[in-house]
């Protein structure tokens, strides 16, 4: 562990020991990455329903909107990755899919 990591760890322990009530109320800004495309899509659908309901307070609207933007980016990135894999499998040309 390098010096910056040790310093950060010591600061965290000091702050937690001396100000436990502040640590408990600190909002978590780091959102968990979805387990899969399907999980992200499901969470995004639920989030949109909550936003459209109009029942959320303003501060929650903002945080939920931000989470929605993260989920949307995750889904788009996964779709682009799959599209790239399909192009490789089809020798660089994306073919139109037709159901058989």
N, C-alpha and C. Protein backbone atom coordinates (compact mmCIF):
# COMPACT_ATOMS: atom_id res chain seq x y z
N UNK A 1 0.85 -1.17 0.00
CA UNK A 1 0.00 0.00 0.00
C UNK A 1 0.89 1.23 0.00
N UNK A 2 0.64 2.15 -0.94
CA UNK A 2 1.46 3.35 -1.05
C UNK A 2 1.09 4.38 -0.01
N UNK A 3 1.88 5.42 0.08
CA UNK A 3 1.68 6.48 1.07
C UNK A 3 0.31 7.15 0.91
N UNK A 4 -0.13 7.52 -0.32
CA UNK A 4 -1.44 8.15 -0.44
C UNK A 4 -2.57 7.25 0.07
N UNK A 5 -2.49 5.95 -0.19
CA UNK A 5 -3.53 5.03 0.26
C UNK A 5 -3.55 4.94 1.78
N UNK A 6 -2.37 4.93 2.40
CA UNK A 6 -2.28 4.87 3.86
C UNK A 6 -2.85 6.15 4.45
N UNK A 7 -2.50 7.29 3.88
CA UNK A 7 -2.99 8.58 4.37
C UNK A 7 -4.50 8.63 4.27
N UNK A 8 -5.05 8.19 3.17
CA UNK A 8 -6.49 8.19 2.98
C UNK A 8 -7.16 7.27 4.00
N UNK A 9 -6.57 6.10 4.22
CA UNK A 9 -7.11 5.15 5.18
C UNK A 9 -7.09 5.73 6.58
N UNK A 10 -6.01 6.39 6.95
CA UNK A 10 -5.90 7.00 8.28
C UNK A 10 -6.92 8.12 8.46
N UNK A 11 -7.09 8.93 7.42
CA UNK A 11 -8.06 10.02 7.49
C UNK A 11 -9.47 9.45 7.66
N UNK A 12 -9.78 8.39 6.92
CA UNK A 12 -11.10 7.77 7.02
C UNK A 12 -11.35 7.23 8.41
N UNK A 13 -10.35 6.54 8.98
CA UNK A 13 -10.52 6.00 10.33
C UNK A 13 -10.66 7.11 11.36
N UNK A 14 -9.87 8.18 11.21
CA UNK A 14 -9.97 9.31 12.14
C UNK A 14 -11.36 9.93 12.07
N UNK A 15 -11.83 10.16 10.86
CA UNK A 15 -13.13 10.80 10.68
C UNK A 15 -14.25 9.91 11.22
N UNK A 16 -14.18 8.63 10.94
CA UNK A 16 -15.19 7.70 11.42
C UNK A 16 -15.20 7.62 12.94
N UNK A 17 -14.02 7.60 13.53
CA UNK A 17 -13.91 7.50 14.99
C UNK A 17 -14.41 8.77 15.68
N UNK A 18 -14.12 9.93 15.11
CA UNK A 18 -14.45 11.19 15.77
C UNK A 18 -15.78 11.82 15.35
N UNK A 19 -16.28 11.41 14.19
CA UNK A 19 -17.54 11.97 13.69
C UNK A 19 -18.43 10.86 13.12
N UNK A 20 -18.81 9.87 13.92
CA UNK A 20 -19.57 8.73 13.38
C UNK A 20 -20.94 9.12 12.84
N UNK A 21 -21.56 10.15 13.42
CA UNK A 21 -22.87 10.56 12.94
C UNK A 21 -22.80 11.15 11.54
N UNK A 22 -21.73 11.83 11.21
CA UNK A 22 -21.57 12.39 9.86
C UNK A 22 -21.32 11.30 8.84
N UNK A 23 -20.55 10.30 9.20
CA UNK A 23 -20.27 9.21 8.28
C UNK A 23 -21.55 8.44 7.95
N UNK A 24 -22.41 8.28 8.93
CA UNK A 24 -23.64 7.52 8.72
C UNK A 24 -24.59 8.27 7.81
N UNK A 25 -24.56 9.61 7.85
CA UNK A 25 -25.50 10.37 7.04
C UNK A 25 -24.94 10.78 5.68
N UNK A 26 -23.70 10.44 5.41
CA UNK A 26 -23.10 10.79 4.14
C UNK A 26 -23.75 9.98 3.02
N UNK A 27 -24.31 10.63 2.00
CA UNK A 27 -24.93 9.87 0.93
C UNK A 27 -23.90 9.10 0.11
N UNK A 28 -24.32 7.98 -0.39
CA UNK A 28 -23.43 7.18 -1.23
C UNK A 28 -23.55 7.69 -2.66
N UNK A 29 -22.46 8.20 -3.19
CA UNK A 29 -22.46 8.72 -4.55
C UNK A 29 -22.07 7.66 -5.57
N UNK A 30 -21.59 6.55 -5.10
CA UNK A 30 -21.15 5.51 -6.01
C UNK A 30 -22.28 4.52 -6.20
N UNK A 31 -22.79 4.43 -7.41
CA UNK A 31 -23.87 3.51 -7.71
C UNK A 31 -23.28 2.18 -8.16
N UNK A 32 -23.92 1.13 -7.75
CA UNK A 32 -23.46 -0.20 -8.13
C UNK A 32 -23.73 -0.42 -9.61
N UNK A 33 -22.77 -1.03 -10.28
CA UNK A 33 -22.96 -1.37 -11.69
C UNK A 33 -23.95 -2.52 -11.78
N UNK A 34 -24.82 -2.50 -12.77
CA UNK A 34 -25.77 -3.59 -12.94
C UNK A 34 -25.06 -4.90 -13.24
N UNK A 35 -25.68 -6.01 -12.85
CA UNK A 35 -25.09 -7.32 -13.06
C UNK A 35 -25.14 -7.72 -14.54
N UNK A 36 -26.12 -7.21 -15.26
CA UNK A 36 -26.27 -7.59 -16.67
C UNK A 36 -27.08 -6.52 -17.40
N UNK A 37 -27.14 -6.67 -18.71
CA UNK A 37 -27.96 -5.77 -19.53
C UNK A 37 -29.42 -5.85 -19.09
N UNK A 38 -29.88 -7.08 -18.88
CA UNK A 38 -31.28 -7.29 -18.50
C UNK A 38 -31.59 -6.67 -17.13
N UNK A 39 -30.65 -6.77 -16.20
CA UNK A 39 -30.84 -6.16 -14.88
C UNK A 39 -30.90 -4.64 -15.00
N UNK A 40 -30.04 -4.07 -15.82
CA UNK A 40 -30.03 -2.62 -16.02
C UNK A 40 -31.33 -2.18 -16.68
N UNK A 41 -31.79 -2.93 -17.65
CA UNK A 41 -33.02 -2.59 -18.35
C UNK A 41 -34.21 -2.65 -17.38
N UNK A 42 -34.27 -3.68 -16.55
CA UNK A 42 -35.35 -3.80 -15.58
C UNK A 42 -35.34 -2.66 -14.57
N UNK A 43 -34.15 -2.33 -14.06
CA UNK A 43 -34.04 -1.23 -13.10
C UNK A 43 -34.43 0.09 -13.76
N UNK A 44 -34.03 0.27 -15.00
CA UNK A 44 -34.36 1.50 -15.72
C UNK A 44 -35.87 1.63 -15.93
N UNK A 45 -36.53 0.53 -16.24
CA UNK A 45 -37.98 0.57 -16.42
C UNK A 45 -38.69 0.94 -15.11
N UNK A 46 -38.23 0.37 -14.00
CA UNK A 46 -38.82 0.71 -12.69
C UNK A 46 -38.56 2.17 -12.34
N UNK A 47 -37.37 2.63 -12.65
CA UNK A 47 -36.99 4.01 -12.35
C UNK A 47 -37.85 4.99 -13.14
N UNK A 48 -38.07 4.69 -14.41
CA UNK A 48 -38.89 5.56 -15.26
C UNK A 48 -40.32 5.62 -14.71
N UNK A 49 -40.84 4.48 -14.27
CA UNK A 49 -42.19 4.46 -13.70
C UNK A 49 -42.27 5.34 -12.45
N UNK A 50 -41.23 5.28 -11.59
CA UNK A 50 -41.22 6.12 -10.39
C UNK A 50 -41.14 7.60 -10.76
N UNK A 51 -40.30 7.92 -11.75
CA UNK A 51 -40.16 9.32 -12.16
C UNK A 51 -41.47 9.84 -12.76
N UNK A 52 -42.12 9.02 -13.57
CA UNK A 52 -43.36 9.44 -14.21
C UNK A 52 -44.52 9.54 -13.25
N UNK A 53 -44.43 8.87 -12.10
CA UNK A 53 -45.52 8.90 -11.13
C UNK A 53 -45.70 10.28 -10.52
N UNK A 54 -44.63 11.06 -10.47
CA UNK A 54 -44.69 12.40 -9.90
C UNK A 54 -44.72 12.42 -8.38
N UNK A 55 -44.44 11.28 -7.75
CA UNK A 55 -44.51 11.19 -6.29
C UNK A 55 -43.18 11.42 -5.59
N UNK A 56 -42.10 11.59 -6.32
CA UNK A 56 -40.79 11.74 -5.70
C UNK A 56 -40.49 13.20 -5.36
N UNK A 57 -39.87 13.44 -4.21
CA UNK A 57 -39.41 14.80 -3.89
C UNK A 57 -38.33 15.23 -4.87
N UNK A 58 -38.12 16.52 -4.97
CA UNK A 58 -37.20 17.09 -5.95
C UNK A 58 -35.79 16.52 -5.84
N UNK A 59 -35.25 16.40 -4.62
CA UNK A 59 -33.88 15.90 -4.48
C UNK A 59 -33.78 14.44 -4.94
N UNK A 60 -34.81 13.66 -4.71
CA UNK A 60 -34.79 12.28 -5.19
C UNK A 60 -34.97 12.21 -6.70
N UNK A 61 -35.71 13.14 -7.26
CA UNK A 61 -35.86 13.19 -8.71
C UNK A 61 -34.50 13.33 -9.38
N UNK A 62 -33.69 14.22 -8.84
CA UNK A 62 -32.36 14.45 -9.42
C UNK A 62 -31.49 13.20 -9.31
N UNK A 63 -31.44 12.59 -8.14
CA UNK A 63 -30.60 11.41 -7.97
C UNK A 63 -31.11 10.24 -8.82
N UNK A 64 -32.43 10.10 -8.92
CA UNK A 64 -32.98 9.02 -9.74
C UNK A 64 -32.71 9.27 -11.22
N UNK A 65 -32.78 10.53 -11.64
CA UNK A 65 -32.47 10.87 -13.03
C UNK A 65 -31.01 10.54 -13.34
N UNK A 66 -30.12 10.87 -12.40
CA UNK A 66 -28.70 10.57 -12.59
C UNK A 66 -28.48 9.06 -12.70
N UNK A 67 -29.15 8.29 -11.85
CA UNK A 67 -29.03 6.83 -11.92
C UNK A 67 -29.55 6.33 -13.25
N UNK A 68 -30.64 6.91 -13.73
CA UNK A 68 -31.19 6.53 -15.03
C UNK A 68 -30.19 6.80 -16.15
N UNK A 69 -29.50 7.92 -16.07
CA UNK A 69 -28.48 8.24 -17.09
C UNK A 69 -27.34 7.22 -17.05
N UNK A 70 -26.95 6.79 -15.84
CA UNK A 70 -25.90 5.76 -15.71
C UNK A 70 -26.36 4.43 -16.32
N UNK A 71 -27.60 4.06 -16.03
CA UNK A 71 -28.14 2.80 -16.55
C UNK A 71 -28.26 2.85 -18.07
N UNK A 72 -28.70 3.98 -18.58
CA UNK A 72 -28.83 4.14 -20.03
C UNK A 72 -27.47 4.01 -20.71
N UNK A 73 -26.46 4.63 -20.14
CA UNK A 73 -25.09 4.52 -20.69
C UNK A 73 -24.62 3.08 -20.65
N UNK A 74 -24.86 2.40 -19.54
CA UNK A 74 -24.48 0.99 -19.43
C UNK A 74 -25.14 0.17 -20.53
N UNK A 75 -26.44 0.35 -20.73
CA UNK A 75 -27.16 -0.40 -21.75
C UNK A 75 -26.64 -0.09 -23.15
N UNK A 76 -26.42 1.18 -23.44
CA UNK A 76 -25.90 1.55 -24.76
C UNK A 76 -24.51 0.96 -25.00
N UNK A 77 -23.67 1.02 -23.97
CA UNK A 77 -22.32 0.45 -24.10
C UNK A 77 -22.37 -1.04 -24.36
N UNK A 78 -23.25 -1.75 -23.66
CA UNK A 78 -23.39 -3.21 -23.86
C UNK A 78 -23.89 -3.50 -25.26
N UNK A 79 -24.87 -2.74 -25.73
CA UNK A 79 -25.40 -2.96 -27.08
C UNK A 79 -24.33 -2.70 -28.14
N UNK A 80 -23.54 -1.66 -27.95
CA UNK A 80 -22.45 -1.36 -28.90
C UNK A 80 -21.41 -2.47 -28.89
N UNK A 81 -21.11 -3.01 -27.71
CA UNK A 81 -20.14 -4.10 -27.62
C UNK A 81 -20.65 -5.35 -28.34
N UNK A 82 -21.92 -5.65 -28.17
CA UNK A 82 -22.49 -6.82 -28.84
C UNK A 82 -22.53 -6.59 -30.35
N UNK A 83 -22.87 -5.39 -30.76
CA UNK A 83 -22.88 -5.08 -32.19
C UNK A 83 -21.48 -5.25 -32.79
N UNK A 84 -20.46 -4.82 -32.07
CA UNK A 84 -19.09 -4.98 -32.54
C UNK A 84 -18.72 -6.45 -32.67
N UNK A 85 -19.16 -7.25 -31.72
CA UNK A 85 -18.89 -8.69 -31.78
C UNK A 85 -19.59 -9.33 -32.98
N UNK A 86 -20.81 -8.88 -33.25
CA UNK A 86 -21.55 -9.41 -34.40
C UNK A 86 -20.85 -9.03 -35.70
N UNK A 87 -20.35 -7.80 -35.78
CA UNK A 87 -19.61 -7.37 -36.98
C UNK A 87 -18.40 -8.26 -37.21
N UNK A 88 -17.71 -8.60 -36.15
CA UNK A 88 -16.54 -9.48 -36.27
C UNK A 88 -16.98 -10.85 -36.77
N UNK A 89 -18.04 -11.35 -36.21
CA UNK A 89 -18.53 -12.67 -36.63
C UNK A 89 -19.01 -12.67 -38.08
N UNK A 90 -19.53 -11.53 -38.54
CA UNK A 90 -20.01 -11.42 -39.92
C UNK A 90 -18.97 -10.78 -40.84
N UNK A 91 -17.70 -10.90 -40.51
CA UNK A 91 -16.58 -10.38 -41.28
C UNK A 91 -16.71 -8.89 -41.58
N UNK A 92 -17.08 -8.13 -40.58
CA UNK A 92 -17.05 -6.67 -40.69
C UNK A 92 -18.28 -6.01 -41.26
N UNK A 93 -19.26 -6.75 -41.71
CA UNK A 93 -20.46 -6.14 -42.21
C UNK A 93 -21.64 -6.51 -41.34
N UNK A 94 -22.39 -5.51 -40.95
CA UNK A 94 -23.57 -5.76 -40.13
C UNK A 94 -24.72 -6.06 -41.07
N UNK A 95 -25.25 -7.26 -40.95
CA UNK A 95 -26.33 -7.69 -41.86
C UNK A 95 -27.68 -7.47 -41.20
N UNK A 96 -28.67 -7.22 -42.02
CA UNK A 96 -30.03 -7.06 -41.53
C UNK A 96 -30.57 -8.40 -41.07
N UNK A 97 -31.13 -8.40 -39.87
CA UNK A 97 -31.69 -9.65 -39.34
C UNK A 97 -33.10 -9.83 -39.87
N UNK A 98 -33.36 -11.03 -40.37
CA UNK A 98 -34.72 -11.36 -40.82
C UNK A 98 -35.16 -12.63 -40.11
N UNK A 99 -36.31 -12.58 -39.45
CA UNK A 99 -36.78 -13.78 -38.76
C UNK A 99 -37.12 -14.89 -39.75
N UNK A 100 -36.82 -16.09 -39.36
CA UNK A 100 -37.07 -17.21 -40.29
C UNK A 100 -38.36 -17.90 -39.97
